[in-house]
Protein backbone atom coordinates (compact mmCIF):
# COMPACT_ATOMS: atom_id res chain seq x y z
CA UNK A 1 -49.05 11.71 68.00
CA UNK A 2 -49.29 14.38 65.13
CA UNK A 3 -52.48 15.73 64.51
CA UNK A 4 -51.82 16.19 60.60
CA UNK A 5 -54.53 16.10 57.88
CA UNK A 6 -54.12 12.09 57.47
CA UNK A 7 -54.47 11.57 60.91
CA UNK A 8 -57.84 13.62 61.25
CA UNK A 9 -59.10 12.03 58.62
CA UNK A 10 -58.44 8.55 60.37
CA UNK A 11 -60.32 9.63 63.21
CA UNK A 12 -63.27 10.38 61.15
CA UNK A 13 -63.28 7.39 59.31
CA UNK A 14 -63.04 5.33 62.57
CA UNK A 15 -65.80 7.16 64.25
CA UNK A 16 -67.97 6.45 61.66
CA UNK A 17 -67.03 2.63 61.10
CA UNK A 18 -67.03 2.17 65.03
CA UNK A 19 -70.78 3.52 65.17
CA UNK A 20 -72.18 2.12 62.22
CA UNK A 21 -74.51 -0.99 62.87
CA UNK A 22 -71.80 -3.36 61.10
CA UNK A 23 -69.64 -4.84 64.08
CA UNK A 24 -66.11 -5.36 62.66
CA UNK A 25 -62.95 -7.57 64.01
CA UNK A 26 -59.54 -5.70 64.23
CA UNK A 27 -58.38 -6.91 60.88
CA UNK A 28 -61.73 -6.12 59.18
CA UNK A 29 -61.59 -2.54 60.62
CA UNK A 30 -58.05 -1.93 59.46
CA UNK A 31 -58.57 -3.20 56.38
CA UNK A 32 -61.67 -0.96 55.57
CA UNK A 33 -60.07 2.27 57.10
CA UNK A 34 -57.09 1.68 54.76
CA UNK A 35 -59.27 1.11 51.59
CA UNK A 36 -61.15 4.42 52.55
CA UNK A 37 -57.65 5.98 53.20
CA UNK A 38 -56.14 4.98 49.89
CA UNK A 39 -59.29 5.99 48.07
CA UNK A 40 -59.11 9.44 48.82
CA UNK A 41 -54.86 9.53 48.14
CA UNK A 42 -53.40 8.80 51.89
CA UNK A 43 -51.40 6.50 52.88
CA UNK A 44 -52.44 2.99 54.55
CA UNK A 45 -51.24 2.60 58.22
CA UNK A 46 -50.13 -0.59 59.99
CA UNK A 47 -52.00 -1.99 63.28
CA UNK A 48 -49.84 -0.11 65.70
CA UNK A 49 -51.32 3.07 64.44
CA UNK A 50 -54.83 1.73 64.75
CA UNK A 51 -54.53 1.09 68.13
CA UNK A 52 -52.81 4.50 68.63
CA UNK A 53 -55.90 6.25 66.83
CA UNK A 54 -58.22 3.87 69.07
CA UNK A 55 -56.39 5.13 72.29
CA UNK A 56 -56.83 8.53 71.27
CA UNK A 57 -60.32 8.24 70.52
CA UNK A 58 -61.16 6.54 73.85
CA UNK A 59 -58.83 8.89 76.00
CA UNK A 60 -59.21 12.19 74.59
CA UNK A 61 -62.69 11.79 73.07
CA UNK A 62 -64.28 9.92 75.69
CA UNK A 63 -65.36 7.37 73.14
CA UNK A 64 -67.34 4.14 74.32
CA UNK A 65 -65.34 1.45 72.71
CA UNK A 66 -65.87 -2.28 73.03
CA UNK A 67 -62.43 -3.83 72.87
CA UNK A 68 -61.75 -7.11 71.19
CA UNK A 69 -61.82 -10.08 73.42
CA UNK A 70 -61.57 -13.81 72.75
CA UNK A 71 -64.94 -14.23 73.41
CA UNK A 72 -65.93 -11.46 71.31
CA UNK A 73 -63.29 -10.50 68.56
CA UNK A 74 -65.64 -7.64 67.57
CA UNK A 75 -64.69 -3.86 68.43
CA UNK A 76 -67.67 -0.96 68.01
CA UNK A 77 -69.08 1.57 70.24
CA UNK A 78 -71.16 0.38 73.22
CA UNK A 79 -73.58 3.50 72.91
CA UNK A 80 -74.65 5.68 70.31
CA UNK A 81 -71.67 8.24 69.92
CA UNK A 82 -70.09 10.64 67.50
CA UNK A 83 -67.15 12.98 68.07
CA UNK A 84 -69.09 15.19 65.51
CA UNK A 85 -72.28 15.16 67.91
CA UNK A 86 -70.10 16.39 71.15
CA UNK A 87 -72.31 18.33 73.48
CA UNK A 88 -71.81 21.64 74.08
CA UNK A 89 -72.98 22.98 77.50
CA UNK A 90 -75.36 25.97 76.91
CA UNK A 91 -73.65 28.24 79.25
CA UNK A 92 -70.26 27.90 77.34
CA UNK A 93 -72.24 28.98 74.12
CA UNK A 94 -73.55 31.79 76.18
CA UNK A 95 -70.23 32.71 77.16
CA UNK A 96 -68.92 32.39 73.33
CA UNK A 97 -71.81 34.85 72.50
CA UNK A 98 -70.72 37.52 74.99
CA UNK A 99 -66.73 37.41 73.91
CA UNK A 100 -68.23 37.73 70.49
CA UNK A 101 -69.96 40.72 71.08
CA UNK A 102 -67.19 42.22 73.26
CA UNK A 103 -64.98 41.52 70.37
CA UNK A 104 -67.02 43.07 67.55
CA UNK A 105 -66.85 46.65 69.44
CA UNK A 106 -63.25 46.43 69.91
CA UNK A 107 -62.33 45.74 66.27
CA UNK A 108 -63.80 45.66 62.50
CA UNK A 109 -61.82 42.26 61.38
CA UNK A 110 -64.12 40.30 59.24
CA UNK A 111 -62.52 36.94 61.07
CA UNK A 112 -64.77 37.89 64.01
CA UNK A 113 -67.85 37.24 62.14
CA UNK A 114 -66.71 34.24 60.91
CA UNK A 115 -66.16 33.40 64.83
CA UNK A 116 -69.76 34.45 64.91
CA UNK A 117 -71.22 32.25 62.38
CA UNK A 118 -69.41 29.69 63.89
CA UNK A 119 -71.54 30.47 67.37
CA UNK A 120 -74.80 30.72 65.71
CA UNK A 121 -74.32 26.88 64.32
CA UNK A 122 -73.30 25.96 68.01
CA UNK A 123 -76.72 27.67 69.15
CA UNK A 124 -78.62 26.04 67.13
CA UNK A 125 -76.55 22.75 67.43
CA UNK A 126 -77.55 22.56 71.30
CA UNK A 127 -81.19 23.96 70.60
CA UNK A 128 -80.62 26.76 72.29
CA UNK A 129 -81.52 30.68 71.76
CA UNK A 130 -79.49 33.03 74.01
CA UNK A 131 -81.04 36.34 74.79
CA UNK A 132 -79.48 39.75 73.48
CA UNK A 133 -77.92 40.66 76.95
CA UNK A 134 -77.56 44.47 77.93
CA UNK A 135 -74.11 46.00 77.29
CA UNK A 136 -71.87 45.07 79.99
CA UNK A 137 -68.63 46.83 78.33
CA UNK A 138 -68.46 50.04 76.84
CA UNK A 139 -65.54 50.79 74.71
CA UNK A 140 -64.25 54.19 73.85
CA UNK A 141 -65.89 55.29 70.82
CA UNK A 142 -63.21 57.10 68.31
CA UNK A 143 -63.94 58.17 64.91
CA UNK A 144 -63.21 55.44 62.34
CA UNK A 145 -59.70 55.72 61.21
CA UNK A 146 -58.39 55.84 57.86
CA UNK A 147 -57.04 52.85 56.41
CA UNK A 148 -59.02 49.97 58.15
CA UNK A 149 -60.10 48.76 55.12
CA UNK A 150 -56.84 47.13 54.72
CA UNK A 151 -57.03 45.29 57.99
CA UNK A 152 -58.59 42.03 56.56
CA UNK A 153 -56.11 41.89 53.80
CA UNK A 154 -52.94 42.33 55.99
CA UNK A 155 -54.43 39.90 58.91
CA UNK A 156 -54.96 37.39 56.16
CA UNK A 157 -51.38 37.55 54.60
CA UNK A 158 -49.62 37.48 57.83
CA UNK A 159 -51.47 34.77 58.87
CA UNK A 160 -50.99 32.91 55.68
CA UNK A 161 -47.19 34.18 55.11
CA UNK A 162 -47.64 35.82 51.99
CA UNK A 163 -45.71 38.91 50.28
CA UNK A 164 -47.75 41.80 49.10
CA UNK A 165 -47.41 44.56 46.62
CA UNK A 166 -48.32 47.86 47.94
CA UNK A 167 -48.31 51.55 47.11
CA UNK A 168 -47.35 53.70 49.90
CA UNK A 169 -47.43 57.43 50.30
CA UNK A 170 -45.83 58.96 53.06
CA UNK A 171 -47.04 62.45 54.18
CA UNK A 172 -45.60 65.14 52.15
CA UNK A 173 -43.37 62.87 49.74
CA UNK A 174 -44.42 61.07 46.39
CA UNK A 175 -46.11 57.65 46.49
CA UNK A 176 -43.59 54.52 46.51
CA UNK A 177 -44.30 51.19 45.10
CA UNK A 178 -42.98 48.48 47.53
CA UNK A 179 -43.02 44.66 47.90
CA UNK A 180 -43.41 43.71 51.86
CA UNK A 181 -43.52 41.05 53.94
CA UNK A 182 -46.04 41.50 56.65
CA UNK A 183 -45.54 40.24 60.09
CA UNK A 184 -47.62 42.35 62.56
CA UNK A 185 -50.92 44.82 63.09
CA UNK A 186 -50.36 47.62 65.78
CA UNK A 187 -53.21 49.85 66.76
CA UNK A 188 -51.95 52.77 68.86
CA UNK A 189 -54.58 55.59 69.96
CA UNK A 190 -56.86 54.58 66.86
CA UNK A 191 -54.52 54.38 64.21
CA UNK A 192 -53.03 50.81 62.87
CA UNK A 193 -49.56 50.30 61.75
CA UNK A 194 -48.16 47.42 60.03
CA UNK A 195 -44.57 46.20 61.02
CA UNK A 196 -42.87 44.53 57.95
CA UNK A 197 -39.99 44.36 55.56
CA UNK A 198 -39.55 45.48 52.13
CA UNK A 199 -38.07 43.36 49.61
CA UNK A 200 -34.29 43.29 49.67
CA UNK A 201 -34.15 45.19 53.12
CA UNK A 202 -32.78 43.35 56.06
CA UNK A 203 -34.47 46.06 58.87
CA UNK A 204 -38.04 46.31 60.11
CA UNK A 205 -40.24 49.36 59.02
CA UNK A 206 -43.49 50.68 60.34
CA UNK A 207 -46.09 51.31 57.70
CA UNK A 208 -48.92 53.49 58.64
CA UNK A 209 -52.12 51.88 57.14
CA UNK A 210 -53.64 55.30 56.66
CA UNK A 211 -50.79 55.87 54.08
CA UNK A 212 -51.51 52.86 52.17
CA UNK A 213 -52.87 53.55 48.89
CA UNK A 214 -53.37 49.94 47.34
CA UNK A 215 -52.60 46.29 48.37
CA UNK A 216 -52.43 43.65 45.51
CA UNK A 217 -50.86 40.13 45.55
CA UNK A 218 -47.49 39.02 45.00
CA UNK A 219 -45.65 35.97 44.29
CA UNK A 220 -42.60 36.59 45.75
CA UNK A 221 -41.65 33.82 48.05
CA UNK A 222 -42.36 35.13 51.68
CA UNK A 223 -39.45 36.05 54.12
CA UNK A 224 -39.61 34.78 57.57
CA UNK A 225 -39.50 37.21 60.39
CA UNK A 226 -36.05 37.17 62.08
CA UNK A 227 -36.34 40.58 62.77
CA UNK A 228 -38.00 41.22 66.16
CA UNK A 229 -39.88 39.06 68.66
CA UNK A 230 -43.80 40.08 68.42
CA UNK A 231 -44.31 38.86 71.89
CA UNK A 232 -41.65 41.43 73.87
CA UNK A 233 -40.79 44.32 70.86
CA UNK A 234 -43.71 46.68 72.70
CA UNK A 235 -42.12 45.61 76.41
CA UNK A 236 -40.71 48.93 76.74
CA UNK A 237 -42.04 50.96 73.67
CA UNK A 238 -44.87 53.56 73.84
CA UNK A 239 -46.28 53.85 70.09
CA UNK A 240 -44.73 52.34 67.54
CA UNK A 241 -41.47 54.02 66.73
CA UNK A 242 -38.25 52.47 67.91
CA UNK A 243 -35.64 54.70 67.78
CA UNK A 244 -32.28 53.11 65.63
CA UNK A 245 -29.04 52.29 68.08
CA UNK A 246 -30.84 52.76 71.08
CA UNK A 247 -31.74 51.04 74.30
CA UNK A 248 -34.68 51.70 77.20
CA UNK A 249 -33.64 54.43 79.63
CA UNK A 250 -34.52 54.97 82.68
CA UNK A 251 -36.79 57.90 83.18
CA UNK A 252 -37.49 59.60 86.40
CA UNK A 253 -40.12 61.44 86.77
CA UNK A 254 -41.79 63.74 89.62
CA UNK A 255 -45.52 63.99 90.09
CA UNK A 256 -47.38 66.62 91.81
CA UNK A 257 -49.17 65.82 95.08
CA UNK A 258 -52.74 66.37 93.27
CA UNK A 259 -51.91 63.81 90.59
CA UNK A 260 -50.34 61.23 92.57
CA UNK A 261 -53.07 58.64 93.33
CA UNK A 262 -54.23 59.09 89.36
CA UNK A 263 -50.75 58.15 88.32
CA UNK A 264 -50.46 55.42 90.66
CA UNK A 265 -54.04 54.12 89.80
CA UNK A 266 -53.39 54.71 86.09
CA UNK A 267 -49.50 53.98 85.67
CA UNK A 268 -47.58 55.73 82.89
CA UNK A 269 -46.47 52.22 81.74
CA UNK A 270 -46.28 48.88 82.76
CA UNK A 271 -42.56 49.30 83.78
CA UNK A 272 -43.40 52.15 86.32
CA UNK A 273 -42.13 51.78 89.94
CA UNK A 274 -42.41 54.19 92.57
CA UNK A 275 -39.24 55.51 93.99
CA UNK A 276 -40.24 57.72 96.83
CA UNK A 277 -44.18 58.34 97.68
CA UNK A 278 -43.48 60.37 100.65
CA UNK A 279 -43.96 64.41 100.15
CA UNK A 280 -44.79 66.59 97.25
CA UNK A 281 -43.81 65.84 94.21
CA UNK A 282 -43.90 61.98 94.29
CA UNK A 283 -41.01 60.21 92.54
CA UNK A 284 -41.52 57.34 90.02
CA UNK A 285 -39.38 55.54 87.45
CA UNK A 286 -40.09 54.15 84.15
CA UNK A 287 -38.16 51.82 82.03
CA UNK A 288 -38.65 53.01 78.02
CA UNK A 289 -37.15 54.15 74.85
CA UNK A 290 -37.23 57.78 74.05
CA UNK A 291 -39.22 58.31 70.95
CA UNK A 292 -41.64 61.26 69.69
CA UNK A 293 -44.58 59.18 70.93
CA UNK A 294 -43.29 59.25 74.46
CA UNK A 295 -42.52 62.96 74.59
CA UNK A 296 -46.25 63.68 73.10
CA UNK A 297 -47.50 61.24 75.98
CA UNK A 298 -45.32 63.08 78.82
CA UNK A 299 -46.83 66.43 77.33
CA UNK A 300 -50.44 65.31 78.01
CA UNK A 301 -50.11 65.35 81.50
CA UNK A 302 -48.79 69.36 81.52
CA UNK A 303 -47.58 70.77 84.52
CA UNK A 304 -48.76 67.67 86.95
CA UNK A 305 -45.33 65.65 86.17
CA UNK A 306 -41.86 66.94 85.25
CA UNK A 307 -39.00 64.83 84.02
CA UNK A 308 -35.83 64.74 86.01
CA UNK A 309 -33.71 62.15 84.57
CA UNK A 310 -31.87 61.68 81.76
CA UNK A 311 -30.84 64.93 81.30
CA UNK A 312 -31.34 64.83 77.58
CA UNK A 313 -34.98 64.49 77.77
CA UNK A 314 -35.45 66.89 80.36
CA UNK A 315 -33.97 69.23 78.18
CA UNK A 316 -36.12 68.22 74.94
CA UNK A 317 -39.34 68.32 77.24
CA UNK A 318 -38.20 72.01 78.49
CA UNK A 319 -37.50 73.22 75.05
CA UNK A 320 -41.10 71.46 73.79
CA UNK A 321 -42.81 73.51 76.73
CA UNK A 322 -41.18 76.59 76.04
CA UNK A 323 -42.25 76.25 72.09
CA UNK A 324 -45.89 76.06 73.05
CA UNK A 325 -45.94 78.73 75.60
CA UNK A 326 -44.20 81.17 72.70
CA UNK A 327 -47.28 80.25 70.69
CA UNK A 328 -49.60 81.34 73.21
CA UNK A 329 -47.67 84.91 73.43
CA UNK A 330 -48.94 85.56 69.75
CA UNK A 331 -51.75 88.14 69.99
CA UNK A 332 -54.73 86.98 67.96
């Protein structure tokens, strides 16, 4: 059964009629329902749809419906009931409150405040007062990243499928005016990025929110995302930069004995597998695209790890270490 706007309205009207003091026959119930539907600009329904709606109320909402019989042709609720007054256990409201508090620490999206308002209404509805609990989860605190003021506008545009006009200024380049079609927001190391396409392009691009100077509405027709799958796009990617015309590579890494336990308990990536755990060093492998973020991530482990393959990545890492070491040869 389709759960469209007309359906929801029918269910609400039926719920009101069945809970009223006036008891109606099936014919009267259908006639009253259709009068209400047509008055609100909706299409009338037939008896079969009415029975489907009654079955939905009874089976999905637990409505105590007294069905029509030859002895009693009236149909009504046998006890006080309304789909608008389905009780919510106090324990469930407490869990929602805890979840909201956690989400508020993790993100600044205004939608979290909207959800919190719903929880407040639920607390009032079940006549409960959930006390503030002590902090149970502490997130790593960062300085507030530039560009976060754009999060809500971009989130809304993605949800409502709206094109946008943006003024974007890359580092050390002139500002550019673009019409973009936003698809996904991605956070990496306390910096936010937008995956989108710009008008006229057939490829994906990634914009850093801290380089967006202005966002405004646009009447251009939204172009749906056929460029990537948001559920799998980051499976073999560290960071947000996907190299063009490339594929994930098997990267073999030697891990020093003193860091082996750390790397096992905190893997470099979810694709990490141990090839050889015996001896020093331990050998692991990961399946990843080779990009700037990966090389920076590997550098963060310093001498504790060493890339064995592929050869081009090993050579690039060696060059980066040599360049870094050269900087320390400069006298202060």
